[in-house]
């Protein structure tokens, strides 16, 4: 089974405001883009992934992620994260009706293709499934098998909301790279400890140079 991943991305200037403690507003967009680039590159390197659709209206992000091989879907609803994901899933299924679909966060700079593959293989056993984030409060991945709607419920306490929606929580060990999203400076340090992708590593190095 090969999956289509739907990755939502806000306009870079508006994304990750909680990272202000770690990165000034002038450099934060570059850091956010680097997260997304490393996430998309790792996802496309996973044998279980057929393709990646990024839902975004950011022109720069669209150019850079398309260059990596992602399909860009405009955020036509413009009504927030869950509407963007539902729209992306609908666009994917219009082309590949029988495709299993997964929503994946764009802020997984330490993502490992092998770990993502393990999660997707486990998810294939259920109509809908999800993986909690490293904080055990949110969600980094939500899946829907062929014939089942994605029904995203991301946002505050999304782990509880996805469980309440009937999605099965995946209890896997050793998939930290799929769980470690980045919202704060502490999250970024945790991702760096796991080992981030090359674009994030370069962006962080530039950030450190500016701070000196």
N, C-alpha and C. Protein backbone atom coordinates (compact mmCIF):
# COMPACT_ATOMS: atom_id res chain seq x y z
N UNK A 1 0.83 -1.19 0.00
CA UNK A 1 0.00 0.00 0.00
C UNK A 1 0.87 1.25 0.00
N UNK A 2 0.64 2.12 -0.97
CA UNK A 2 1.38 3.37 -1.03
C UNK A 2 0.43 4.53 -0.74
N UNK A 3 0.91 5.43 0.07
CA UNK A 3 0.09 6.52 0.59
C UNK A 3 0.34 7.83 -0.14
N UNK A 4 -0.70 8.65 -0.14
CA UNK A 4 -0.55 10.06 -0.50
C UNK A 4 -0.61 10.86 0.79
N UNK A 5 0.40 11.68 1.02
CA UNK A 5 0.45 12.51 2.21
C UNK A 5 -0.03 13.91 1.88
N UNK A 6 -0.84 14.46 2.76
CA UNK A 6 -1.32 15.84 2.64
C UNK A 6 -0.68 16.64 3.76
N UNK A 7 0.10 17.64 3.40
CA UNK A 7 0.85 18.44 4.37
C UNK A 7 0.37 19.88 4.30
N UNK A 8 -0.18 20.42 5.37
CA UNK A 8 -0.64 21.82 5.35
C UNK A 8 0.49 22.76 5.77
N UNK A 9 0.52 23.94 5.16
CA UNK A 9 1.54 24.92 5.50
C UNK A 9 0.97 26.32 5.43
N UNK A 10 0.97 27.01 6.57
CA UNK A 10 0.54 28.40 6.60
C UNK A 10 1.49 29.28 5.79
N UNK A 11 1.05 30.50 5.43
CA UNK A 11 2.02 31.46 4.89
C UNK A 11 3.20 31.60 5.86
N UNK A 12 4.40 31.59 5.33
CA UNK A 12 5.59 31.53 6.17
C UNK A 12 5.65 32.66 7.19
N UNK A 13 5.21 33.85 6.82
CA UNK A 13 5.30 34.99 7.73
C UNK A 13 4.38 34.84 8.93
N UNK A 14 3.37 33.98 8.81
CA UNK A 14 2.39 33.82 9.89
C UNK A 14 2.60 32.56 10.71
N UNK A 15 3.47 31.69 10.25
CA UNK A 15 3.61 30.38 10.89
C UNK A 15 4.55 30.41 12.09
N UNK A 16 4.26 29.55 13.05
CA UNK A 16 5.15 29.27 14.19
C UNK A 16 5.46 30.52 15.02
N UNK A 17 4.43 31.25 15.40
CA UNK A 17 4.65 32.45 16.22
C UNK A 17 5.26 32.10 17.57
N UNK A 18 5.02 30.89 18.07
CA UNK A 18 5.57 30.50 19.37
C UNK A 18 7.08 30.26 19.32
N UNK A 19 7.63 30.26 18.11
CA UNK A 19 9.08 30.13 17.98
C UNK A 19 9.80 31.47 18.14
N UNK A 20 9.06 32.52 18.40
CA UNK A 20 9.67 33.85 18.53
C UNK A 20 10.74 33.88 19.61
N UNK A 21 10.57 33.05 20.65
CA UNK A 21 11.58 33.00 21.71
C UNK A 21 12.92 32.50 21.21
N UNK A 22 12.90 31.68 20.15
CA UNK A 22 14.12 31.09 19.64
C UNK A 22 14.62 31.74 18.36
N UNK A 23 13.71 32.39 17.62
CA UNK A 23 14.09 32.98 16.34
C UNK A 23 13.32 34.28 16.14
N UNK A 24 14.03 35.32 15.78
CA UNK A 24 13.39 36.61 15.52
C UNK A 24 12.45 36.50 14.33
N UNK A 25 11.47 37.40 14.27
CA UNK A 25 10.49 37.36 13.19
C UNK A 25 11.13 37.48 11.82
N UNK A 26 12.30 38.11 11.74
CA UNK A 26 12.97 38.28 10.45
C UNK A 26 13.56 36.99 9.91
N UNK A 27 13.88 36.05 10.79
CA UNK A 27 14.49 34.79 10.35
C UNK A 27 13.55 33.59 10.52
N UNK A 28 12.47 33.76 11.27
CA UNK A 28 11.56 32.64 11.52
C UNK A 28 10.97 32.05 10.23
N UNK A 29 10.56 32.86 9.24
CA UNK A 29 10.02 32.24 8.02
C UNK A 29 10.99 31.29 7.33
N UNK A 30 12.27 31.63 7.33
CA UNK A 30 13.27 30.74 6.71
C UNK A 30 13.38 29.44 7.48
N UNK A 31 13.26 29.51 8.78
CA UNK A 31 13.32 28.31 9.61
C UNK A 31 12.09 27.44 9.35
N UNK A 32 10.93 28.05 9.26
CA UNK A 32 9.69 27.30 8.99
C UNK A 32 9.77 26.61 7.63
N UNK A 33 10.28 27.33 6.64
CA UNK A 33 10.42 26.73 5.31
C UNK A 33 11.38 25.55 5.35
N UNK A 34 12.47 25.69 6.09
CA UNK A 34 13.43 24.59 6.20
C UNK A 34 12.79 23.37 6.84
N UNK A 35 11.98 23.57 7.87
CA UNK A 35 11.26 22.45 8.48
C UNK A 35 10.43 21.72 7.42
N UNK A 36 9.68 22.50 6.65
CA UNK A 36 8.79 21.91 5.64
C UNK A 36 9.59 21.20 4.55
N UNK A 37 10.70 21.79 4.13
CA UNK A 37 11.52 21.15 3.10
C UNK A 37 12.07 19.80 3.58
N UNK A 38 12.58 19.77 4.80
CA UNK A 38 13.11 18.51 5.31
C UNK A 38 12.01 17.48 5.54
N UNK A 39 10.83 17.94 5.95
CA UNK A 39 9.69 17.03 6.12
C UNK A 39 9.28 16.42 4.79
N UNK A 40 9.13 17.26 3.78
CA UNK A 40 8.70 16.78 2.46
C UNK A 40 9.76 15.87 1.85
N UNK A 41 11.03 16.23 1.95
CA UNK A 41 12.09 15.41 1.38
C UNK A 41 12.13 14.02 2.03
N UNK A 42 11.99 13.98 3.36
CA UNK A 42 12.00 12.69 4.05
C UNK A 42 10.77 11.87 3.69
N UNK A 43 9.63 12.53 3.58
CA UNK A 43 8.40 11.81 3.23
C UNK A 43 8.51 11.19 1.84
N UNK A 44 9.03 11.96 0.88
CA UNK A 44 9.15 11.45 -0.48
C UNK A 44 10.19 10.34 -0.59
N UNK A 45 11.11 10.27 0.37
CA UNK A 45 12.12 9.21 0.38
C UNK A 45 11.61 7.92 1.01
N UNK A 46 10.40 7.95 1.55
CA UNK A 46 9.82 6.77 2.19
C UNK A 46 9.17 5.87 1.14
N UNK A 47 9.54 4.60 1.04
CA UNK A 47 8.96 3.72 0.03
C UNK A 47 7.45 3.55 0.14
N UNK A 48 6.89 3.80 1.33
CA UNK A 48 5.45 3.65 1.51
C UNK A 48 4.67 4.84 0.98
N UNK A 49 5.37 5.89 0.55
CA UNK A 49 4.72 7.13 0.11
C UNK A 49 4.78 7.22 -1.41
N UNK A 50 3.60 7.35 -2.03
CA UNK A 50 3.54 7.51 -3.49
C UNK A 50 3.76 8.95 -3.89
N UNK A 51 3.15 9.87 -3.16
CA UNK A 51 3.31 11.28 -3.48
C UNK A 51 2.91 12.13 -2.28
N UNK A 52 3.24 13.42 -2.39
CA UNK A 52 2.98 14.38 -1.32
C UNK A 52 2.28 15.59 -1.92
N UNK A 53 1.19 15.99 -1.29
CA UNK A 53 0.47 17.21 -1.68
C UNK A 53 0.57 18.21 -0.54
N UNK A 54 1.11 19.39 -0.82
CA UNK A 54 1.24 20.45 0.18
C UNK A 54 0.15 21.48 -0.07
N UNK A 55 -0.65 21.74 0.95
CA UNK A 55 -1.72 22.73 0.84
C UNK A 55 -1.19 24.05 1.38
N UNK A 56 -0.97 25.00 0.50
CA UNK A 56 -0.42 26.28 0.91
C UNK A 56 -0.74 27.36 -0.11
N UNK A 57 -0.80 28.59 0.37
CA UNK A 57 -0.93 29.75 -0.51
C UNK A 57 0.35 30.58 -0.53
N UNK A 58 1.40 30.08 0.14
CA UNK A 58 2.64 30.82 0.19
C UNK A 58 3.43 30.57 -1.10
N UNK A 59 3.69 31.63 -1.87
CA UNK A 59 4.32 31.47 -3.18
C UNK A 59 5.74 30.92 -3.07
N UNK A 60 6.52 31.44 -2.12
CA UNK A 60 7.90 30.96 -1.97
C UNK A 60 7.92 29.50 -1.55
N UNK A 61 7.13 29.15 -0.56
CA UNK A 61 7.07 27.76 -0.11
C UNK A 61 6.61 26.85 -1.24
N UNK A 62 5.63 27.31 -1.99
CA UNK A 62 5.14 26.52 -3.11
C UNK A 62 6.23 26.22 -4.12
N UNK A 63 7.03 27.23 -4.47
CA UNK A 63 8.13 27.03 -5.42
C UNK A 63 9.16 26.04 -4.89
N UNK A 64 9.56 26.24 -3.63
CA UNK A 64 10.62 25.41 -3.07
C UNK A 64 10.17 23.96 -2.88
N UNK A 65 8.95 23.76 -2.46
CA UNK A 65 8.47 22.40 -2.20
C UNK A 65 8.11 21.69 -3.49
N UNK A 66 7.65 22.43 -4.48
CA UNK A 66 7.41 21.83 -5.79
C UNK A 66 8.73 21.33 -6.39
N UNK A 67 9.79 22.09 -6.16
CA UNK A 67 11.10 21.70 -6.67
C UNK A 67 11.58 20.38 -6.06
N UNK A 68 11.10 20.07 -4.87
CA UNK A 68 11.46 18.81 -4.22
C UNK A 68 10.63 17.63 -4.73
N UNK A 69 9.55 17.93 -5.45
CA UNK A 69 8.69 16.87 -5.97
C UNK A 69 7.29 16.84 -5.42
N UNK A 70 6.94 17.81 -4.56
CA UNK A 70 5.59 17.85 -4.00
C UNK A 70 4.62 18.48 -4.98
N UNK A 71 3.38 18.07 -4.89
CA UNK A 71 2.30 18.73 -5.62
C UNK A 71 1.78 19.85 -4.72
N UNK A 72 1.53 21.02 -5.27
CA UNK A 72 1.03 22.15 -4.50
C UNK A 72 -0.46 22.33 -4.75
N UNK A 73 -1.23 22.34 -3.67
CA UNK A 73 -2.68 22.54 -3.73
C UNK A 73 -2.99 23.87 -3.06
N UNK A 74 -3.55 24.84 -3.79
CA UNK A 74 -3.90 26.12 -3.16
C UNK A 74 -4.91 25.92 -2.03
N UNK A 75 -4.76 26.70 -0.99
CA UNK A 75 -5.68 26.61 0.15
C UNK A 75 -6.95 27.37 -0.17
N UNK A 76 -7.77 26.78 -1.04
CA UNK A 76 -8.98 27.44 -1.50
C UNK A 76 -9.94 27.80 -0.38
N UNK A 77 -10.16 26.93 0.63
CA UNK A 77 -11.11 27.32 1.69
C UNK A 77 -10.62 28.52 2.48
N UNK A 78 -9.31 28.59 2.76
CA UNK A 78 -8.78 29.68 3.57
C UNK A 78 -9.46 29.77 4.92
N UNK A 79 -9.80 28.62 5.48
CA UNK A 79 -10.59 28.59 6.71
C UNK A 79 -9.90 27.82 7.82
N UNK A 80 -8.57 27.78 7.80
CA UNK A 80 -7.86 27.12 8.88
C UNK A 80 -7.34 25.75 8.52
N UNK A 81 -6.65 25.16 9.49
CA UNK A 81 -5.91 23.92 9.28
C UNK A 81 -6.79 22.76 8.85
N UNK A 82 -7.86 22.50 9.56
CA UNK A 82 -8.67 21.32 9.26
C UNK A 82 -9.39 21.45 7.92
N UNK A 83 -9.82 22.65 7.59
CA UNK A 83 -10.44 22.88 6.28
C UNK A 83 -9.42 22.68 5.17
N UNK A 84 -8.18 23.13 5.41
CA UNK A 84 -7.13 22.95 4.41
C UNK A 84 -6.84 21.47 4.19
N UNK A 85 -6.78 20.70 5.27
CA UNK A 85 -6.51 19.27 5.15
C UNK A 85 -7.65 18.54 4.44
N UNK A 86 -8.88 18.86 4.78
CA UNK A 86 -10.03 18.22 4.12
C UNK A 86 -10.02 18.55 2.63
N UNK A 87 -9.70 19.80 2.30
CA UNK A 87 -9.62 20.22 0.90
C UNK A 87 -8.50 19.47 0.18
N UNK A 88 -7.34 19.36 0.83
CA UNK A 88 -6.22 18.63 0.23
C UNK A 88 -6.55 17.17 -0.01
N UNK A 89 -7.18 16.55 0.97
CA UNK A 89 -7.57 15.14 0.82
C UNK A 89 -8.56 14.97 -0.32
N UNK A 90 -9.49 15.91 -0.44
CA UNK A 90 -10.48 15.84 -1.52
C UNK A 90 -9.79 15.98 -2.88
N UNK A 91 -8.82 16.88 -2.97
CA UNK A 91 -8.09 17.07 -4.23
C UNK A 91 -7.31 15.81 -4.60
N UNK A 92 -6.71 15.18 -3.60
CA UNK A 92 -5.96 13.95 -3.83
C UNK A 92 -6.88 12.84 -4.30
N UNK A 93 -7.99 12.69 -3.64
CA UNK A 93 -8.92 11.60 -3.98
C UNK A 93 -9.61 11.84 -5.32
N UNK A 94 -9.67 13.09 -5.77
CA UNK A 94 -10.23 13.35 -7.09
C UNK A 94 -9.36 12.73 -8.19
N UNK A 95 -8.06 12.65 -7.93
CA UNK A 95 -7.14 12.06 -8.89
C UNK A 95 -6.92 10.57 -8.64
N UNK A 96 -6.90 10.18 -7.37
CA UNK A 96 -6.64 8.80 -6.99
C UNK A 96 -7.69 8.36 -5.97
N UNK A 97 -8.89 8.02 -6.43
CA UNK A 97 -10.00 7.73 -5.52
C UNK A 97 -9.72 6.63 -4.51
N UNK A 98 -8.91 5.65 -4.88
CA UNK A 98 -8.66 4.50 -4.00
C UNK A 98 -7.36 4.65 -3.20
N UNK A 99 -6.82 5.84 -3.16
CA UNK A 99 -5.57 6.04 -2.44
C UNK A 99 -5.80 6.16 -0.94
N UNK A 100 -4.97 5.49 -0.14
CA UNK A 100 -4.97 5.79 1.29
C UNK A 100 -4.32 7.16 1.49
N UNK A 101 -4.88 7.95 2.38
CA UNK A 101 -4.45 9.34 2.56
C UNK A 101 -4.01 9.55 4.00
N UNK A 102 -2.95 10.33 4.18
CA UNK A 102 -2.50 10.66 5.52
C UNK A 102 -2.19 12.15 5.60
N UNK A 103 -2.65 12.78 6.67
CA UNK A 103 -2.28 14.16 6.97
C UNK A 103 -1.03 14.13 7.83
N UNK A 104 -0.02 14.89 7.43
CA UNK A 104 1.25 14.92 8.13
C UNK A 104 1.62 16.37 8.43
N UNK A 105 2.10 16.63 9.64
CA UNK A 105 2.54 17.97 9.99
C UNK A 105 3.72 18.39 9.12
N UNK A 106 3.84 19.70 8.91
CA UNK A 106 4.94 20.24 8.10
C UNK A 106 6.17 20.57 8.94
N UNK A 107 6.08 20.35 10.24
CA UNK A 107 7.16 20.77 11.14
C UNK A 107 7.83 19.58 11.81
N UNK A 108 8.28 18.64 10.97
CA UNK A 108 8.96 17.43 11.46
C UNK A 108 10.36 17.38 10.87
N UNK A 109 11.24 18.30 11.25
CA UNK A 109 12.54 18.40 10.58
C UNK A 109 13.47 17.23 10.83
N UNK A 110 13.18 16.40 11.83
CA UNK A 110 14.02 15.22 12.11
C UNK A 110 13.44 13.95 11.49
N UNK A 111 12.41 14.08 10.68
CA UNK A 111 11.68 12.92 10.14
C UNK A 111 12.61 11.94 9.44
N UNK A 112 12.44 10.65 9.79
CA UNK A 112 13.20 9.57 9.17
C UNK A 112 12.26 8.75 8.28
N UNK A 113 12.62 8.53 7.01
CA UNK A 113 11.75 7.75 6.12
C UNK A 113 11.42 6.36 6.66
N UNK A 114 12.39 5.69 7.30
CA UNK A 114 12.12 4.34 7.82
C UNK A 114 11.09 4.36 8.94
N UNK A 115 11.17 5.37 9.81
CA UNK A 115 10.21 5.46 10.90
C UNK A 115 8.82 5.83 10.38
N UNK A 116 8.77 6.73 9.41
CA UNK A 116 7.49 7.05 8.79
C UNK A 116 6.88 5.81 8.15
N UNK A 117 7.70 5.00 7.51
CA UNK A 117 7.21 3.78 6.90
C UNK A 117 6.62 2.82 7.92
N UNK A 118 7.25 2.71 9.08
CA UNK A 118 6.71 1.85 10.13
C UNK A 118 5.34 2.33 10.59
N UNK A 119 5.20 3.64 10.73
CA UNK A 119 3.92 4.19 11.18
C UNK A 119 2.83 3.95 10.14
N UNK A 120 3.15 4.18 8.88
CA UNK A 120 2.15 3.99 7.83
C UNK A 120 1.77 2.52 7.67
N UNK A 121 2.72 1.62 7.84
CA UNK A 121 2.42 0.19 7.78
C UNK A 121 1.46 -0.20 8.90
N UNK A 122 1.70 0.31 10.09
CA UNK A 122 0.79 0.02 11.21
C UNK A 122 -0.58 0.63 10.97
N UNK A 123 -0.61 1.83 10.42
CA UNK A 123 -1.89 2.52 10.20
C UNK A 123 -2.75 1.81 9.16
N UNK A 124 -2.11 1.09 8.24
CA UNK A 124 -2.85 0.41 7.17
C UNK A 124 -3.81 -0.65 7.68
N UNK A 125 -3.67 -1.03 8.94
CA UNK A 125 -4.55 -2.05 9.53
C UNK A 125 -5.90 -1.49 9.96
N UNK A 126 -6.08 -0.17 9.90
CA UNK A 126 -7.29 0.46 10.45
C UNK A 126 -7.92 1.42 9.46
N UNK A 127 -9.24 1.61 9.56
CA UNK A 127 -9.90 2.59 8.70
C UNK A 127 -9.34 4.00 8.88
N UNK A 128 -9.15 4.39 10.13
CA UNK A 128 -8.54 5.68 10.45
C UNK A 128 -7.62 5.46 11.65
N UNK A 129 -6.47 6.12 11.63
CA UNK A 129 -5.52 5.97 12.73
C UNK A 129 -4.75 7.27 12.89
N UNK A 130 -4.10 7.42 14.05
CA UNK A 130 -3.31 8.64 14.26
C UNK A 130 -2.14 8.34 15.17
N UNK A 131 -1.14 9.24 15.12
CA UNK A 131 0.03 9.16 15.98
C UNK A 131 0.09 10.43 16.81
N UNK A 132 0.19 10.26 18.13
CA UNK A 132 0.30 11.43 19.01
C UNK A 132 1.68 12.05 18.89
N UNK A 133 1.75 13.34 19.22
CA UNK A 133 3.04 14.03 19.18
C UNK A 133 3.88 13.70 20.40
N UNK A 134 5.09 14.24 20.44
CA UNK A 134 6.02 13.93 21.53
C UNK A 134 5.49 14.39 22.87
N UNK A 135 4.67 15.43 22.88
CA UNK A 135 4.09 15.93 24.13
C UNK A 135 2.89 15.13 24.58
N UNK A 136 2.43 14.18 23.75
CA UNK A 136 1.28 13.32 24.06
C UNK A 136 -0.01 14.11 24.22
N UNK A 137 -0.09 15.24 23.55
CA UNK A 137 -1.30 16.08 23.59
C UNK A 137 -1.85 16.30 22.19
N UNK A 138 -0.96 16.52 21.24
CA UNK A 138 -1.37 16.78 19.87
C UNK A 138 -1.23 15.57 18.98
N UNK A 139 -1.27 15.82 17.67
CA UNK A 139 -1.21 14.77 16.66
C UNK A 139 -0.25 15.20 15.57
N UNK A 140 0.60 14.29 15.11
CA UNK A 140 1.48 14.61 13.99
C UNK A 140 1.07 13.92 12.70
N UNK A 141 0.28 12.84 12.81
CA UNK A 141 -0.11 12.08 11.63
C UNK A 141 -1.51 11.51 11.82
N UNK A 142 -2.36 11.66 10.80
CA UNK A 142 -3.71 11.10 10.80
C UNK A 142 -3.91 10.41 9.47
N UNK A 143 -4.40 9.18 9.50
CA UNK A 143 -4.54 8.41 8.26
C UNK A 143 -5.99 7.99 8.01
N UNK A 144 -6.28 7.78 6.72
CA UNK A 144 -7.59 7.27 6.32
C UNK A 144 -7.39 6.27 5.19
N UNK A 145 -7.90 5.07 5.39
CA UNK A 145 -7.80 4.02 4.38
C UNK A 145 -8.73 4.34 3.21
N UNK A 146 -8.55 3.67 2.08
CA UNK A 146 -9.46 3.87 0.95
C UNK A 146 -10.92 3.69 1.37
N UNK A 147 -11.76 4.58 0.89
CA UNK A 147 -13.18 4.50 1.22
C UNK A 147 -13.56 5.18 2.52
N UNK A 148 -12.59 5.76 3.23
CA UNK A 148 -12.86 6.42 4.50
C UNK A 148 -12.41 7.87 4.44
N UNK A 149 -13.22 8.76 4.98
CA UNK A 149 -12.88 10.18 5.01
C UNK A 149 -11.81 10.44 6.06
N UNK A 150 -10.99 11.45 5.83
CA UNK A 150 -9.91 11.77 6.75
C UNK A 150 -10.45 12.34 8.07
N UNK A 151 -11.40 13.22 8.02
CA UNK A 151 -12.03 13.84 9.19
C UNK A 151 -11.00 14.40 10.17
N UNK A 152 -10.20 15.36 9.74
CA UNK A 152 -9.17 15.92 10.61
C UNK A 152 -9.75 16.75 11.75
N UNK A 153 -9.12 16.64 12.91
CA UNK A 153 -9.53 17.42 14.09
C UNK A 153 -8.29 17.96 14.78
N UNK A 154 -7.40 18.55 13.99
CA UNK A 154 -6.17 19.10 14.55
C UNK A 154 -6.46 20.37 15.33
N UNK A 155 -5.48 20.79 16.12
CA UNK A 155 -5.65 21.95 16.99
C UNK A 155 -5.40 21.53 18.44
N UNK A 156 -5.79 22.38 19.40
CA UNK A 156 -5.57 22.05 20.81
C UNK A 156 -6.19 20.71 21.19
N UNK A 157 -5.43 19.90 21.92
CA UNK A 157 -5.91 18.59 22.40
C UNK A 157 -6.36 17.67 21.27
N UNK A 158 -5.66 17.72 20.15
CA UNK A 158 -6.11 16.92 19.01
C UNK A 158 -5.96 15.42 19.25
N UNK A 159 -5.05 15.03 20.13
CA UNK A 159 -4.97 13.59 20.45
C UNK A 159 -6.31 13.10 20.99
N UNK A 160 -6.87 13.80 21.94
CA UNK A 160 -8.15 13.40 22.53
C UNK A 160 -9.27 13.51 21.50
N UNK A 161 -9.22 14.53 20.68
CA UNK A 161 -10.30 14.72 19.70
C UNK A 161 -10.25 13.67 18.60
N UNK A 162 -9.06 13.28 18.17
CA UNK A 162 -8.99 12.23 17.16
C UNK A 162 -9.41 10.88 17.74
N UNK A 163 -9.04 10.63 18.99
CA UNK A 163 -9.48 9.39 19.63
C UNK A 163 -11.01 9.37 19.75
N UNK A 164 -11.59 10.50 20.13
CA UNK A 164 -13.04 10.58 20.27
C UNK A 164 -13.76 10.43 18.93
N UNK A 165 -13.06 10.76 17.85
CA UNK A 165 -13.67 10.66 16.52
C UNK A 165 -13.69 9.22 16.01
N UNK A 166 -13.05 8.31 16.74
CA UNK A 166 -13.03 6.91 16.34
C UNK A 166 -11.74 6.46 15.70
N UNK A 167 -10.80 7.38 15.51
CA UNK A 167 -9.50 6.99 14.96
C UNK A 167 -8.72 6.19 16.01
N UNK A 168 -7.99 5.20 15.55
CA UNK A 168 -7.20 4.35 16.44
C UNK A 168 -5.84 4.99 16.71
N UNK A 169 -5.47 5.10 17.99
CA UNK A 169 -4.16 5.64 18.31
C UNK A 169 -3.10 4.55 18.13
N UNK A 170 -2.05 4.89 17.42
CA UNK A 170 -0.97 3.94 17.17
C UNK A 170 0.04 4.01 18.30
N UNK A 171 0.23 2.90 19.00
CA UNK A 171 1.16 2.86 20.12
C UNK A 171 2.47 2.24 19.71
N UNK A 172 3.27 2.98 18.99
CA UNK A 172 4.54 2.47 18.46
C UNK A 172 5.72 3.07 19.22
N UNK A 173 6.73 2.25 19.42
CA UNK A 173 7.99 2.73 19.99
C UNK A 173 8.97 3.04 18.87
N UNK A 174 10.00 3.82 19.22
CA UNK A 174 11.11 4.09 18.30
C UNK A 174 10.66 4.75 17.00
N UNK A 175 9.68 5.65 17.11
CA UNK A 175 9.30 6.48 15.96
C UNK A 175 9.32 7.95 16.38
N UNK A 176 10.32 8.30 17.17
CA UNK A 176 10.40 9.65 17.73
C UNK A 176 10.45 10.72 16.66
N UNK A 177 11.07 10.42 15.53
CA UNK A 177 11.19 11.44 14.49
C UNK A 177 9.85 11.81 13.87
N UNK A 178 8.88 10.90 13.96
CA UNK A 178 7.54 11.18 13.43
C UNK A 178 6.69 11.91 14.47
N UNK A 179 7.08 11.82 15.72
CA UNK A 179 6.34 12.47 16.80
C UNK A 179 6.84 13.89 17.10
N UNK A 180 8.12 14.18 16.77
CA UNK A 180 8.74 15.41 17.25
C UNK A 180 8.45 16.60 16.32
N UNK A 181 7.29 17.20 16.52
CA UNK A 181 7.00 18.44 15.81
C UNK A 181 7.65 19.61 16.55
N UNK A 182 7.67 20.76 15.93
CA UNK A 182 8.39 21.90 16.48
C UNK A 182 7.48 23.12 16.57
N UNK A 183 7.09 23.46 17.80
CA UNK A 183 6.30 24.66 18.04
C UNK A 183 7.06 25.69 18.88
N UNK A 184 8.00 25.22 19.69
CA UNK A 184 8.70 26.09 20.62
C UNK A 184 10.21 25.88 20.51
N UNK A 185 10.95 26.73 21.21
CA UNK A 185 12.40 26.56 21.26
C UNK A 185 12.81 25.22 21.85
N UNK A 186 12.10 24.79 22.88
CA UNK A 186 12.40 23.47 23.48
C UNK A 186 12.16 22.35 22.47
N UNK A 187 11.10 22.47 21.69
CA UNK A 187 10.83 21.47 20.65
C UNK A 187 11.96 21.43 19.63
N UNK A 188 12.44 22.61 19.26
CA UNK A 188 13.53 22.67 18.28
C UNK A 188 14.78 22.00 18.83
N UNK A 189 15.08 22.24 20.09
CA UNK A 189 16.25 21.61 20.70
C UNK A 189 16.09 20.09 20.74
N UNK A 190 14.87 19.62 20.99
CA UNK A 190 14.62 18.17 20.99
C UNK A 190 14.81 17.58 19.59
N UNK A 191 14.34 18.31 18.58
CA UNK A 191 14.51 17.84 17.20
C UNK A 191 15.99 17.81 16.82
N UNK A 192 16.72 18.83 17.24
CA UNK A 192 18.16 18.88 16.95
C UNK A 192 18.88 17.70 17.61
N UNK A 193 18.44 17.32 18.80
CA UNK A 193 19.04 16.18 19.49
C UNK A 193 18.80 14.88 18.72
N UNK A 194 17.64 14.77 18.06
CA UNK A 194 17.36 13.58 17.25
C UNK A 194 18.19 13.58 15.97
N UNK A 195 18.47 14.78 15.46
CA UNK A 195 19.19 14.92 14.20
C UNK A 195 18.27 15.39 13.10
N UNK A 196 18.38 16.67 12.75
CA UNK A 196 17.48 17.25 11.76
C UNK A 196 18.04 17.10 10.35
N UNK A 197 17.17 17.38 9.37
CA UNK A 197 17.58 17.34 7.98
C UNK A 197 18.52 18.48 7.62
N UNK A 198 19.11 18.44 6.43
CA UNK A 198 20.16 19.39 6.06
C UNK A 198 19.69 20.84 5.96
N UNK A 199 18.48 21.06 5.54
CA UNK A 199 18.01 22.44 5.38
C UNK A 199 17.76 23.09 6.75
N UNK A 200 17.20 22.32 7.66
CA UNK A 200 17.02 22.84 9.02
C UNK A 200 18.36 23.07 9.69
N UNK A 201 19.29 22.16 9.51
CA UNK A 201 20.61 22.32 10.11
C UNK A 201 21.28 23.60 9.61
N UNK A 202 21.14 23.88 8.32
CA UNK A 202 21.73 25.10 7.75
C UNK A 202 21.03 26.33 8.29
N UNK A 203 19.69 26.29 8.37
CA UNK A 203 18.94 27.44 8.88
C UNK A 203 19.28 27.73 10.33
N UNK A 204 19.43 26.69 11.14
CA UNK A 204 19.78 26.88 12.55
C UNK A 204 21.19 27.43 12.67
N UNK A 205 22.11 26.94 11.85
CA UNK A 205 23.48 27.45 11.88
C UNK A 205 23.51 28.93 11.55
N UNK A 206 22.72 29.34 10.58
CA UNK A 206 22.66 30.76 10.24
C UNK A 206 22.07 31.58 11.37
N UNK A 207 21.08 31.01 12.04
CA UNK A 207 20.46 31.69 13.17
C UNK A 207 21.48 31.90 14.28
N UNK A 208 22.26 30.88 14.56
CA UNK A 208 23.26 30.98 15.62
C UNK A 208 24.33 32.01 15.28
N UNK A 209 24.71 32.08 14.00
CA UNK A 209 25.70 33.05 13.57
C UNK A 209 25.18 34.47 13.77
N UNK A 210 23.92 34.68 13.47
CA UNK A 210 23.31 36.01 13.64
C UNK A 210 23.25 36.42 15.09
N UNK A 211 23.11 35.44 15.98
CA UNK A 211 22.98 35.75 17.41
C UNK A 211 24.34 36.09 18.03
N UNK A 212 25.42 35.65 17.40
CA UNK A 212 26.74 35.89 17.98
C UNK A 212 27.17 37.36 17.84
